[in-house]
Amino acid sequence: MFQVLQQAVCEALQHFCPFHVSYKELRVVTRTQILAAFRRFEKGDRPSSHRKPKRWFVQGNSSRLYPLKLIYSLATELPPPRFHTNDAKRELTSIGFIVVDVTTADEVGDHFEDAVRWSLADPARRRERLSKASAHAPEQFVIQRVFQRNPDVVAEVLSRAKGVCQACKKPAPFLKKSDGEPYLEAHHVKQLADGGEDTVENAIAVCPNCHRKAHYG
């Protein structure tokens, strides 16, 4: 009954969104196809039309995580714009693969900032929640996605700055206890997550305030 209803919904969506494939067209993936797609991905094969993966990944045999939609696309030869992430999640989990939601620490921080803004906007409910809140903060585990930055780029940028923030033009706010050097932070003008290059030309040395402003201002 559930599959019949699911197919009906998919067919209805197909009527209004003809660029997406039908439910029947999606029921073609096998474990052999997915394993072959892993190998193709490792060799550098990519679908002709795809976006940079951000959240959903599928675990391979060696525990390596592969981009879910790209793998499904390589396995089925369907372009990523023609199917939903939920389609790929359903198909791969149904044949025994583990699908992982990769939420980064930065995204957790963004959600927290949003929650703070909502709390500031409603003092009455905030005080009510505080009266019932636990004093112990719960733990949350996240899968951290990081870029392996070139330390030489950071060192060169800090060296060129000579202790002066390249944004506000003021001296570093303090000296580091470890080595007595001015404390500045390397900032990529175009973020690596947005396709920016890890080069000296794309990085500047900034004080902590200007670094925060660059990301949240």
N, C-alpha and C. Protein backbone atom coordinates (compact mmCIF):
# COMPACT_ATOMS: atom_id res chain seq x y z
N MET A 1 0.83 -1.20 0.00
CA MET A 1 0.00 0.00 0.00
C MET A 1 0.87 1.26 0.00
N PHE A 2 1.94 1.23 0.84
CA PHE A 2 2.82 2.40 0.92
C PHE A 2 3.50 2.67 -0.41
N GLN A 3 3.97 1.59 -1.09
CA GLN A 3 4.65 1.78 -2.35
C GLN A 3 3.71 2.30 -3.42
N VAL A 4 2.46 1.85 -3.37
CA VAL A 4 1.46 2.34 -4.33
C VAL A 4 1.24 3.83 -4.14
N LEU A 5 1.10 4.23 -2.87
CA LEU A 5 0.90 5.65 -2.57
C LEU A 5 2.13 6.45 -2.97
N GLN A 6 3.32 5.92 -2.67
CA GLN A 6 4.57 6.59 -3.00
C GLN A 6 4.68 6.79 -4.51
N GLN A 7 4.31 5.74 -5.28
CA GLN A 7 4.38 5.85 -6.73
C GLN A 7 3.40 6.90 -7.24
N ALA A 8 2.22 6.95 -6.64
CA ALA A 8 1.21 7.92 -7.07
C ALA A 8 1.71 9.35 -6.83
N VAL A 9 2.35 9.57 -5.68
CA VAL A 9 2.89 10.89 -5.38
C VAL A 9 3.97 11.26 -6.40
N CYS A 10 4.86 10.30 -6.68
CA CYS A 10 5.94 10.56 -7.63
C CYS A 10 5.39 10.89 -9.01
N GLU A 11 4.34 10.16 -9.42
CA GLU A 11 3.76 10.40 -10.73
C GLU A 11 3.07 11.76 -10.78
N ALA A 12 2.48 12.15 -9.65
CA ALA A 12 1.87 13.48 -9.59
C ALA A 12 2.93 14.56 -9.71
N LEU A 13 4.04 14.36 -9.01
CA LEU A 13 5.14 15.32 -9.11
C LEU A 13 5.69 15.38 -10.52
N GLN A 14 5.71 14.23 -11.18
CA GLN A 14 6.21 14.18 -12.55
C GLN A 14 5.35 15.03 -13.46
N HIS A 15 4.05 15.09 -13.17
CA HIS A 15 3.12 15.87 -13.98
C HIS A 15 3.46 17.36 -13.88
N PHE A 16 3.77 17.82 -12.64
CA PHE A 16 4.04 19.23 -12.43
C PHE A 16 5.51 19.56 -12.62
N CYS A 17 6.40 18.57 -12.44
CA CYS A 17 7.84 18.78 -12.58
C CYS A 17 8.41 17.77 -13.57
N PRO A 18 8.18 17.97 -14.86
CA PRO A 18 8.55 16.97 -15.86
C PRO A 18 10.05 16.72 -15.97
N PHE A 19 10.88 17.60 -15.38
CA PHE A 19 12.32 17.39 -15.47
C PHE A 19 12.79 16.32 -14.51
N HIS A 20 11.93 15.90 -13.58
CA HIS A 20 12.28 14.80 -12.69
C HIS A 20 11.76 13.48 -13.27
N VAL A 21 12.54 12.42 -13.04
CA VAL A 21 12.14 11.13 -13.57
C VAL A 21 11.00 10.54 -12.76
N SER A 22 10.37 9.50 -13.31
CA SER A 22 9.27 8.85 -12.61
C SER A 22 9.79 7.88 -11.56
N TYR A 23 8.90 7.44 -10.69
CA TYR A 23 9.26 6.49 -9.64
C TYR A 23 9.81 5.20 -10.23
N LYS A 24 9.19 4.70 -11.30
CA LYS A 24 9.64 3.44 -11.90
C LYS A 24 11.05 3.55 -12.44
N GLU A 25 11.39 4.72 -13.01
CA GLU A 25 12.72 4.89 -13.58
C GLU A 25 13.80 4.86 -12.50
N LEU A 26 13.43 5.16 -11.25
CA LEU A 26 14.41 5.20 -10.18
C LEU A 26 14.72 3.81 -9.64
N ARG A 27 13.86 2.83 -9.88
CA ARG A 27 14.04 1.50 -9.29
C ARG A 27 14.96 0.63 -10.15
N VAL A 28 16.18 1.10 -10.40
CA VAL A 28 17.08 0.36 -11.27
C VAL A 28 18.44 0.11 -10.63
N VAL A 29 18.72 0.73 -9.50
CA VAL A 29 20.06 0.67 -8.95
C VAL A 29 20.32 -0.65 -8.21
N THR A 30 21.53 -1.17 -8.36
CA THR A 30 21.93 -2.40 -7.67
C THR A 30 23.23 -2.14 -6.93
N ARG A 31 23.59 -3.06 -6.03
CA ARG A 31 24.86 -2.92 -5.30
C ARG A 31 26.04 -2.93 -6.28
N THR A 32 25.95 -3.76 -7.31
CA THR A 32 27.03 -3.83 -8.29
C THR A 32 27.22 -2.48 -8.99
N GLN A 33 26.10 -1.83 -9.32
CA GLN A 33 26.18 -0.52 -9.96
C GLN A 33 26.81 0.52 -9.04
N ILE A 34 26.43 0.47 -7.76
CA ILE A 34 26.96 1.45 -6.80
C ILE A 34 28.46 1.24 -6.59
N LEU A 35 28.89 -0.02 -6.46
CA LEU A 35 30.31 -0.31 -6.29
C LEU A 35 31.11 0.15 -7.51
N ALA A 36 30.53 -0.04 -8.68
CA ALA A 36 31.18 0.42 -9.90
C ALA A 36 31.26 1.95 -9.92
N ALA A 37 30.21 2.60 -9.39
CA ALA A 37 30.20 4.06 -9.33
C ALA A 37 31.28 4.58 -8.38
N PHE A 38 31.50 3.87 -7.26
CA PHE A 38 32.60 4.24 -6.36
C PHE A 38 33.93 4.25 -7.12
N ARG A 39 34.15 3.20 -7.90
CA ARG A 39 35.42 3.08 -8.62
C ARG A 39 35.55 4.19 -9.68
N ARG A 40 34.46 4.49 -10.36
CA ARG A 40 34.48 5.56 -11.35
C ARG A 40 34.78 6.90 -10.70
N PHE A 41 34.16 7.13 -9.53
CA PHE A 41 34.37 8.39 -8.81
C PHE A 41 35.84 8.53 -8.42
N GLU A 42 36.43 7.44 -7.94
CA GLU A 42 37.84 7.47 -7.52
C GLU A 42 38.77 7.73 -8.70
N LYS A 43 38.36 7.36 -9.90
CA LYS A 43 39.16 7.62 -11.10
C LYS A 43 38.95 9.03 -11.64
N GLY A 44 38.03 9.77 -11.02
CA GLY A 44 37.81 11.15 -11.45
C GLY A 44 36.57 11.38 -12.28
N ASP A 45 35.77 10.34 -12.52
CA ASP A 45 34.54 10.51 -13.29
C ASP A 45 33.53 11.32 -12.50
N ARG A 46 32.85 12.23 -13.18
CA ARG A 46 31.80 13.04 -12.56
C ARG A 46 30.64 13.18 -13.54
N PRO A 47 29.42 13.30 -13.04
CA PRO A 47 28.29 13.56 -13.94
C PRO A 47 28.50 14.89 -14.66
N SER A 48 27.93 15.00 -15.85
CA SER A 48 28.12 16.21 -16.65
C SER A 48 27.50 17.43 -15.99
N SER A 49 26.45 17.23 -15.22
CA SER A 49 25.78 18.34 -14.55
C SER A 49 25.66 18.02 -13.07
N HIS A 50 26.41 18.73 -12.25
CA HIS A 50 26.33 18.46 -10.81
C HIS A 50 26.78 19.68 -10.02
N ARG A 51 26.33 19.73 -8.78
CA ARG A 51 26.76 20.77 -7.85
C ARG A 51 27.74 20.17 -6.85
N LYS A 52 28.46 21.05 -6.20
CA LYS A 52 29.41 20.59 -5.19
C LYS A 52 28.66 19.96 -4.04
N PRO A 53 28.99 18.71 -3.64
CA PRO A 53 28.26 18.05 -2.54
C PRO A 53 28.52 18.76 -1.22
N LYS A 54 27.48 18.85 -0.40
CA LYS A 54 27.62 19.53 0.88
C LYS A 54 27.16 18.70 2.08
N ARG A 55 26.10 17.92 1.90
CA ARG A 55 25.50 17.33 3.10
C ARG A 55 25.39 15.81 3.09
N TRP A 56 24.82 15.23 2.03
CA TRP A 56 24.51 13.80 2.05
C TRP A 56 25.58 12.98 1.35
N PHE A 57 26.08 11.95 2.06
CA PHE A 57 27.14 11.09 1.54
C PHE A 57 26.76 9.62 1.79
N VAL A 58 27.38 8.72 1.02
CA VAL A 58 27.16 7.29 1.18
C VAL A 58 28.49 6.65 1.54
N GLN A 59 28.45 5.72 2.47
CA GLN A 59 29.68 5.08 2.95
C GLN A 59 30.06 3.90 2.08
N GLY A 60 31.34 3.88 1.65
CA GLY A 60 31.85 2.78 0.85
C GLY A 60 32.37 1.65 1.71
N ASN A 61 32.92 0.63 1.08
CA ASN A 61 33.41 -0.54 1.82
C ASN A 61 34.57 -0.22 2.75
N SER A 62 35.38 0.77 2.39
CA SER A 62 36.53 1.15 3.21
C SER A 62 36.21 2.26 4.19
N SER A 63 34.90 2.51 4.41
CA SER A 63 34.40 3.58 5.30
C SER A 63 34.60 4.97 4.72
N ARG A 64 35.11 5.05 3.49
CA ARG A 64 35.21 6.35 2.83
C ARG A 64 33.82 6.85 2.50
N LEU A 65 33.62 8.16 2.59
CA LEU A 65 32.34 8.76 2.27
C LEU A 65 32.38 9.33 0.85
N TYR A 66 31.35 8.99 0.08
CA TYR A 66 31.24 9.46 -1.29
C TYR A 66 29.97 10.32 -1.42
N PRO A 67 30.00 11.36 -2.27
CA PRO A 67 28.82 12.21 -2.45
C PRO A 67 27.62 11.40 -2.97
N LEU A 68 26.54 11.45 -2.23
CA LEU A 68 25.39 10.59 -2.51
C LEU A 68 24.83 10.78 -3.92
N LYS A 69 24.50 12.03 -4.28
CA LYS A 69 23.85 12.25 -5.57
C LYS A 69 24.80 11.96 -6.74
N LEU A 70 26.09 12.23 -6.56
CA LEU A 70 27.03 11.97 -7.64
C LEU A 70 27.18 10.46 -7.87
N ILE A 71 27.22 9.71 -6.79
CA ILE A 71 27.34 8.25 -6.92
C ILE A 71 26.08 7.67 -7.56
N TYR A 72 24.93 8.11 -7.11
CA TYR A 72 23.68 7.60 -7.68
C TYR A 72 23.59 7.96 -9.17
N SER A 73 24.05 9.16 -9.50
CA SER A 73 24.02 9.59 -10.89
C SER A 73 24.96 8.74 -11.74
N LEU A 74 26.17 8.47 -11.24
CA LEU A 74 27.11 7.63 -11.98
C LEU A 74 26.59 6.20 -12.14
N ALA A 75 25.88 5.72 -11.12
CA ALA A 75 25.37 4.34 -11.16
C ALA A 75 24.20 4.18 -12.12
N THR A 76 23.40 5.22 -12.26
CA THR A 76 22.18 5.11 -13.06
C THR A 76 22.22 5.88 -14.36
N GLU A 77 23.26 6.73 -14.53
CA GLU A 77 23.39 7.59 -15.71
C GLU A 77 22.29 8.64 -15.77
N LEU A 78 21.66 8.91 -14.62
CA LEU A 78 20.66 9.98 -14.55
C LEU A 78 21.36 11.25 -14.08
N PRO A 79 21.19 12.38 -14.75
CA PRO A 79 21.78 13.64 -14.30
C PRO A 79 21.22 14.04 -12.93
N PRO A 80 22.05 14.55 -12.03
CA PRO A 80 21.57 14.91 -10.69
C PRO A 80 20.34 15.82 -10.66
N PRO A 81 20.18 16.77 -11.59
CA PRO A 81 18.97 17.61 -11.53
C PRO A 81 17.68 16.84 -11.78
N ARG A 82 17.77 15.58 -12.27
CA ARG A 82 16.56 14.84 -12.64
C ARG A 82 16.04 13.93 -11.53
N PHE A 83 16.66 13.98 -10.36
CA PHE A 83 16.12 13.20 -9.24
C PHE A 83 16.41 13.93 -7.94
N HIS A 84 15.62 13.62 -6.93
CA HIS A 84 15.77 14.25 -5.62
C HIS A 84 16.76 13.47 -4.76
N THR A 85 17.35 14.17 -3.81
CA THR A 85 18.25 13.52 -2.86
C THR A 85 17.53 12.39 -2.14
N ASN A 86 16.26 12.62 -1.78
CA ASN A 86 15.50 11.59 -1.07
C ASN A 86 15.36 10.32 -1.89
N ASP A 87 15.29 10.45 -3.23
CA ASP A 87 15.23 9.26 -4.09
C ASP A 87 16.49 8.42 -3.93
N ALA A 88 17.64 9.10 -4.00
CA ALA A 88 18.91 8.38 -3.88
C ALA A 88 19.06 7.78 -2.49
N LYS A 89 18.65 8.52 -1.46
CA LYS A 89 18.73 8.00 -0.09
C LYS A 89 17.92 6.72 0.04
N ARG A 90 16.70 6.75 -0.46
CA ARG A 90 15.80 5.59 -0.35
C ARG A 90 16.38 4.39 -1.08
N GLU A 91 16.86 4.59 -2.30
CA GLU A 91 17.34 3.48 -3.09
C GLU A 91 18.61 2.85 -2.50
N LEU A 92 19.54 3.67 -2.04
CA LEU A 92 20.80 3.12 -1.53
C LEU A 92 20.62 2.45 -0.18
N THR A 93 19.77 3.00 0.67
CA THR A 93 19.54 2.35 1.96
C THR A 93 18.77 1.05 1.78
N SER A 94 17.95 0.97 0.74
CA SER A 94 17.17 -0.25 0.52
C SER A 94 18.04 -1.43 0.10
N ILE A 95 19.24 -1.15 -0.40
CA ILE A 95 20.14 -2.24 -0.80
C ILE A 95 21.34 -2.35 0.14
N GLY A 96 21.19 -1.75 1.33
CA GLY A 96 22.16 -2.01 2.38
C GLY A 96 23.29 -1.03 2.57
N PHE A 97 23.27 0.09 1.86
CA PHE A 97 24.33 1.08 2.05
C PHE A 97 23.96 2.05 3.17
N ILE A 98 24.98 2.57 3.82
CA ILE A 98 24.79 3.54 4.90
C ILE A 98 24.89 4.95 4.33
N VAL A 99 23.83 5.73 4.52
CA VAL A 99 23.80 7.11 4.06
C VAL A 99 24.01 8.02 5.26
N VAL A 100 24.92 8.98 5.12
CA VAL A 100 25.34 9.81 6.24
C VAL A 100 24.99 11.27 5.98
N ASP A 101 24.41 11.91 6.99
CA ASP A 101 24.13 13.34 6.96
C ASP A 101 25.35 14.05 7.55
N VAL A 102 26.13 14.69 6.71
CA VAL A 102 27.35 15.36 7.17
C VAL A 102 27.00 16.81 7.52
N THR A 103 26.78 17.04 8.80
CA THR A 103 26.54 18.38 9.30
C THR A 103 27.85 18.89 9.89
N THR A 104 28.36 19.99 9.39
CA THR A 104 29.65 20.48 9.85
C THR A 104 29.50 21.29 11.13
N ALA A 105 30.61 21.49 11.81
CA ALA A 105 30.61 22.29 13.03
C ALA A 105 30.17 23.72 12.74
N ASP A 106 30.54 24.24 11.55
CA ASP A 106 30.12 25.59 11.18
C ASP A 106 28.61 25.68 11.05
N GLU A 107 28.00 24.64 10.46
CA GLU A 107 26.55 24.65 10.31
C GLU A 107 25.85 24.55 11.65
N VAL A 108 26.42 23.77 12.57
CA VAL A 108 25.87 23.70 13.93
C VAL A 108 25.93 25.08 14.57
N GLY A 109 27.06 25.77 14.37
CA GLY A 109 27.20 27.12 14.91
C GLY A 109 26.20 28.09 14.33
N ASP A 110 25.93 27.97 13.01
CA ASP A 110 24.95 28.84 12.37
C ASP A 110 23.56 28.61 12.95
N HIS A 111 23.20 27.34 13.16
CA HIS A 111 21.89 27.03 13.75
C HIS A 111 21.78 27.63 15.16
N PHE A 112 22.88 27.57 15.90
CA PHE A 112 22.88 28.12 17.26
C PHE A 112 22.67 29.63 17.23
N GLU A 113 23.35 30.32 16.30
CA GLU A 113 23.18 31.77 16.19
C GLU A 113 21.74 32.12 15.84
N ASP A 114 21.12 31.33 14.98
CA ASP A 114 19.71 31.56 14.64
C ASP A 114 18.83 31.41 15.88
N ALA A 115 19.12 30.38 16.70
CA ALA A 115 18.34 30.14 17.91
C ALA A 115 18.49 31.30 18.90
N VAL A 116 19.68 31.86 18.99
CA VAL A 116 19.90 33.00 19.88
C VAL A 116 19.07 34.19 19.42
N ARG A 117 19.04 34.44 18.11
CA ARG A 117 18.24 35.56 17.59
C ARG A 117 16.76 35.39 17.90
N TRP A 118 16.26 34.15 17.75
CA TRP A 118 14.86 33.90 18.07
C TRP A 118 14.61 34.13 19.56
N SER A 119 15.53 33.73 20.40
CA SER A 119 15.37 33.90 21.83
C SER A 119 15.36 35.39 22.21
N LEU A 120 16.24 36.17 21.60
CA LEU A 120 16.29 37.61 21.88
C LEU A 120 14.98 38.30 21.50
N ALA A 121 14.31 37.77 20.49
CA ALA A 121 13.08 38.40 20.00
C ALA A 121 11.86 38.08 20.87
N ASP A 122 11.97 37.15 21.80
CA ASP A 122 10.82 36.73 22.62
C ASP A 122 11.25 36.54 24.07
N PRO A 123 11.45 37.63 24.82
CA PRO A 123 11.94 37.54 26.20
C PRO A 123 11.04 36.72 27.13
N ALA A 124 9.73 36.81 26.96
CA ALA A 124 8.81 36.12 27.86
C ALA A 124 8.99 34.60 27.77
N ARG A 125 8.99 34.10 26.55
CA ARG A 125 9.15 32.65 26.37
C ARG A 125 10.57 32.21 26.73
N ARG A 126 11.53 33.11 26.51
CA ARG A 126 12.89 32.77 26.89
C ARG A 126 13.00 32.55 28.39
N ARG A 127 12.41 33.43 29.17
CA ARG A 127 12.46 33.28 30.63
C ARG A 127 11.71 32.04 31.10
N GLU A 128 10.61 31.72 30.39
CA GLU A 128 9.86 30.51 30.73
C GLU A 128 10.72 29.27 30.48
N ARG A 129 11.42 29.24 29.36
CA ARG A 129 12.27 28.10 29.05
C ARG A 129 13.44 28.00 30.02
N LEU A 130 13.99 29.16 30.40
CA LEU A 130 15.12 29.16 31.32
C LEU A 130 14.72 28.59 32.68
N SER A 131 13.48 28.84 33.09
CA SER A 131 13.03 28.35 34.39
C SER A 131 12.95 26.82 34.44
N LYS A 132 12.87 26.19 33.26
CA LYS A 132 12.75 24.73 33.19
C LYS A 132 13.99 24.06 32.61
N ALA A 133 14.97 24.86 32.22
CA ALA A 133 16.12 24.32 31.49
C ALA A 133 17.06 23.56 32.40
N SER A 134 17.69 22.53 31.85
CA SER A 134 18.71 21.77 32.57
C SER A 134 19.99 22.59 32.67
N ALA A 135 20.71 22.41 33.77
CA ALA A 135 21.98 23.12 33.95
C ALA A 135 23.12 22.42 33.21
N HIS A 136 22.86 21.25 32.68
CA HIS A 136 23.91 20.48 32.00
C HIS A 136 23.68 20.50 30.49
N ALA A 137 24.68 20.97 29.76
CA ALA A 137 24.56 21.05 28.30
C ALA A 137 24.72 19.67 27.67
N PRO A 138 23.79 19.27 26.82
CA PRO A 138 23.91 17.97 26.15
C PRO A 138 25.03 17.99 25.12
N GLU A 139 25.59 16.82 24.84
CA GLU A 139 26.64 16.70 23.83
C GLU A 139 26.02 16.45 22.46
N GLN A 140 26.68 16.95 21.45
CA GLN A 140 26.29 16.66 20.07
C GLN A 140 27.55 16.33 19.28
N PHE A 141 27.53 15.22 18.58
CA PHE A 141 28.68 14.81 17.79
C PHE A 141 28.40 15.15 16.32
N VAL A 142 29.37 15.76 15.67
CA VAL A 142 29.23 16.11 14.26
C VAL A 142 30.41 15.54 13.49
N ILE A 143 30.18 15.31 12.20
CA ILE A 143 31.27 14.93 11.30
C ILE A 143 31.85 16.21 10.75
N GLN A 144 33.10 16.45 11.04
CA GLN A 144 33.73 17.71 10.64
C GLN A 144 34.33 17.60 9.24
N ARG A 145 33.88 18.46 8.35
CA ARG A 145 34.47 18.52 7.02
C ARG A 145 35.46 19.68 7.01
N VAL A 146 36.73 19.39 6.77
CA VAL A 146 37.75 20.43 6.80
C VAL A 146 38.59 20.36 5.52
N PHE A 147 39.19 21.48 5.19
CA PHE A 147 40.13 21.53 4.08
C PHE A 147 41.55 21.44 4.63
N GLN A 148 42.38 20.68 4.00
CA GLN A 148 43.77 20.55 4.42
C GLN A 148 44.55 21.74 3.86
N ARG A 149 44.56 22.82 4.63
CA ARG A 149 45.18 24.06 4.18
C ARG A 149 46.70 23.95 4.14
N ASN A 150 47.28 24.71 3.26
CA ASN A 150 48.74 24.74 3.11
C ASN A 150 49.33 25.63 4.21
N PRO A 151 50.11 25.08 5.13
CA PRO A 151 50.68 25.90 6.21
C PRO A 151 51.64 26.97 5.69
N ASP A 152 52.25 26.74 4.53
CA ASP A 152 53.15 27.74 3.96
C ASP A 152 52.38 28.99 3.52
N VAL A 153 51.14 28.80 3.06
CA VAL A 153 50.32 29.95 2.69
C VAL A 153 50.03 30.80 3.92
N VAL A 154 49.64 30.15 5.02
CA VAL A 154 49.35 30.87 6.26
C VAL A 154 50.59 31.59 6.76
N ALA A 155 51.73 30.89 6.77
CA ALA A 155 52.97 31.49 7.26
C ALA A 155 53.38 32.69 6.43
N GLU A 156 53.25 32.57 5.12
CA GLU A 156 53.64 33.68 4.24
C GLU A 156 52.74 34.89 4.45
N VAL A 157 51.44 34.64 4.58
CA VAL A 157 50.48 35.74 4.78
C VAL A 157 50.75 36.45 6.11
N LEU A 158 50.98 35.68 7.17
CA LEU A 158 51.27 36.29 8.47
C LEU A 158 52.59 37.06 8.44
N SER A 159 53.56 36.51 7.75
CA SER A 159 54.87 37.16 7.67
C SER A 159 54.76 38.49 6.94
N ARG A 160 54.02 38.53 5.85
CA ARG A 160 53.88 39.76 5.07
C ARG A 160 53.13 40.85 5.84
N ALA A 161 52.21 40.44 6.71
CA ALA A 161 51.41 41.42 7.45
C ALA A 161 52.23 42.19 8.47
N LYS A 162 53.31 41.59 8.96
CA LYS A 162 54.20 42.23 9.94
C LYS A 162 53.44 42.74 11.18
N GLY A 163 52.49 41.91 11.64
CA GLY A 163 51.79 42.25 12.88
C GLY A 163 50.68 43.26 12.75
N VAL A 164 50.30 43.61 11.53
CA VAL A 164 49.26 44.61 11.31
C VAL A 164 48.09 43.98 10.57
N CYS A 165 46.88 44.15 11.09
CA CYS A 165 45.68 43.62 10.45
C CYS A 165 45.51 44.26 9.08
N GLN A 166 45.33 43.46 8.06
CA GLN A 166 45.21 43.97 6.71
C GLN A 166 43.81 44.47 6.38
N ALA A 167 42.89 44.35 7.35
CA ALA A 167 41.54 44.87 7.15
C ALA A 167 41.37 46.24 7.81
N CYS A 168 41.62 46.32 9.11
CA CYS A 168 41.44 47.58 9.83
C CYS A 168 42.72 48.40 9.94
N LYS A 169 43.84 47.80 9.54
CA LYS A 169 45.15 48.47 9.54
C LYS A 169 45.67 48.78 10.94
N LYS A 170 45.13 48.09 11.95
CA LYS A 170 45.59 48.30 13.32
C LYS A 170 46.53 47.17 13.73
N PRO A 171 47.41 47.44 14.74
CA PRO A 171 48.31 46.37 15.20
C PRO A 171 47.53 45.20 15.78
N ALA A 172 48.12 44.02 15.75
CA ALA A 172 47.50 42.84 16.36
C ALA A 172 47.10 43.15 17.79
N PRO A 173 45.98 42.63 18.27
CA PRO A 173 45.46 43.01 19.60
C PRO A 173 46.32 42.53 20.76
N PHE A 174 47.13 41.48 20.56
CA PHE A 174 47.99 40.99 21.64
C PHE A 174 49.09 40.11 21.07
N LEU A 175 50.05 39.80 21.91
CA LEU A 175 51.13 38.91 21.53
C LEU A 175 50.84 37.51 22.06
N LYS A 176 51.16 36.50 21.27
CA LYS A 176 50.89 35.12 21.68
C LYS A 176 51.81 34.72 22.83
N LYS A 177 51.22 34.03 23.80
CA LYS A 177 51.98 33.58 24.95
C LYS A 177 53.06 32.57 24.55
N SER A 178 52.76 31.78 23.52
CA SER A 178 53.67 30.69 23.15
C SER A 178 55.00 31.17 22.58
N ASP A 179 54.96 32.24 21.75
CA ASP A 179 56.20 32.67 21.10
C ASP A 179 56.39 34.17 21.04
N GLY A 180 55.44 34.93 21.62
CA GLY A 180 55.59 36.38 21.64
C GLY A 180 55.29 37.07 20.32
N GLU A 181 54.80 36.32 19.32
CA GLU A 181 54.48 36.90 18.02
C GLU A 181 53.10 37.56 18.06
N PRO A 182 52.90 38.61 17.23
CA PRO A 182 51.57 39.24 17.15
C PRO A 182 50.51 38.23 16.73
N TYR A 183 49.35 38.29 17.38
CA TYR A 183 48.30 37.34 17.04
C TYR A 183 47.42 37.88 15.93
N LEU A 184 47.49 37.25 14.77
CA LEU A 184 46.61 37.52 13.65
C LEU A 184 46.15 36.17 13.09
N GLU A 185 45.08 36.19 12.31
CA GLU A 185 44.53 34.97 11.73
C GLU A 185 44.48 35.08 10.21
N ALA A 186 44.78 33.99 9.56
CA ALA A 186 44.72 33.96 8.09
C ALA A 186 43.27 33.79 7.65
N HIS A 187 42.85 34.63 6.72
CA HIS A 187 41.47 34.59 6.21
C HIS A 187 41.49 34.51 4.69
N HIS A 188 40.75 33.55 4.14
CA HIS A 188 40.62 33.43 2.69
C HIS A 188 39.56 34.42 2.19
N VAL A 189 39.95 35.27 1.28
CA VAL A 189 39.02 36.29 0.77
C VAL A 189 37.81 35.63 0.14
N LYS A 190 38.05 34.65 -0.73
CA LYS A 190 36.97 33.79 -1.21
C LYS A 190 37.11 32.47 -0.48
N GLN A 191 36.12 32.10 0.30
CA GLN A 191 36.24 30.93 1.16
C GLN A 191 36.48 29.66 0.35
N LEU A 192 37.25 28.75 0.96
CA LEU A 192 37.55 27.48 0.30
C LEU A 192 36.27 26.72 -0.01
N ALA A 193 35.29 26.81 0.90
CA ALA A 193 34.03 26.10 0.69
C ALA A 193 33.26 26.64 -0.51
N ASP A 194 33.58 27.87 -0.92
CA ASP A 194 32.93 28.46 -2.08
C ASP A 194 33.77 28.35 -3.35
N GLY A 195 34.81 27.52 -3.27
CA GLY A 195 35.66 27.33 -4.43
C GLY A 195 36.89 28.21 -4.47
N GLY A 196 37.16 28.95 -3.38
CA GLY A 196 38.34 29.80 -3.33
C GLY A 196 39.62 28.98 -3.30
N GLU A 197 40.70 29.57 -3.80
CA GLU A 197 41.98 28.87 -3.85
C GLU A 197 42.76 29.06 -2.55
N ASP A 198 43.53 28.04 -2.19
CA ASP A 198 44.38 28.10 -1.00
C ASP A 198 45.73 28.68 -1.43
N THR A 199 45.74 29.97 -1.71
CA THR A 199 46.93 30.65 -2.20
C THR A 199 47.16 31.92 -1.41
N VAL A 200 48.39 32.42 -1.49
CA VAL A 200 48.73 33.68 -0.82
C VAL A 200 47.89 34.82 -1.40
N GLU A 201 47.62 34.75 -2.71
CA GLU A 201 46.85 35.81 -3.36
C GLU A 201 45.41 35.87 -2.87
N ASN A 202 44.90 34.77 -2.37
CA ASN A 202 43.50 34.71 -1.91
C ASN A 202 43.40 34.77 -0.39
N ALA A 203 44.45 35.18 0.29
CA ALA A 203 44.42 35.19 1.75
C ALA A 203 45.01 36.48 2.30
N ILE A 204 44.50 36.89 3.45
CA ILE A 204 45.02 38.07 4.15
C ILE A 204 45.12 37.74 5.63
N ALA A 205 45.92 38.51 6.34
CA ALA A 205 46.05 38.35 7.79
C ALA A 205 45.19 39.40 8.48
N VAL A 206 44.32 38.95 9.37
CA VAL A 206 43.39 39.87 10.03
C VAL A 206 43.34 39.62 11.53
N CYS A 207 42.91 40.62 12.27
CA CYS A 207 42.72 40.46 13.71
C CYS A 207 41.45 39.66 13.96
N PRO A 208 41.25 39.11 15.16
CA PRO A 208 40.05 38.31 15.44
C PRO A 208 38.74 39.05 15.17
N ASN A 209 38.68 40.35 15.52
CA ASN A 209 37.44 41.10 15.28
C ASN A 209 37.11 41.20 13.80
N CYS A 210 38.12 41.53 13.01
CA CYS A 210 37.88 41.65 11.56
C CYS A 210 37.59 40.30 10.94
N HIS A 211 38.17 39.24 11.50
CA HIS A 211 37.90 37.90 10.98
C HIS A 211 36.44 37.54 11.22
N ARG A 212 35.94 37.83 12.42
CA ARG A 212 34.52 37.58 12.71
C ARG A 212 33.63 38.43 11.83
N LYS A 213 34.02 39.68 11.64
CA LYS A 213 33.22 40.58 10.80
C LYS A 213 33.13 40.06 9.37
N ALA A 214 34.25 39.52 8.87
CA ALA A 214 34.28 39.00 7.50
C ALA A 214 33.29 37.86 7.32
N HIS A 215 33.11 37.05 8.39
CA HIS A 215 32.22 35.90 8.28
C HIS A 215 30.79 36.19 8.70
N TYR A 216 30.60 37.11 9.64
CA TYR A 216 29.27 37.32 10.20
C TYR A 216 28.74 38.75 10.04
N GLY A 217 29.60 39.66 9.59
CA GLY A 217 29.19 41.05 9.50
C GLY A 217 28.27 41.34 8.31
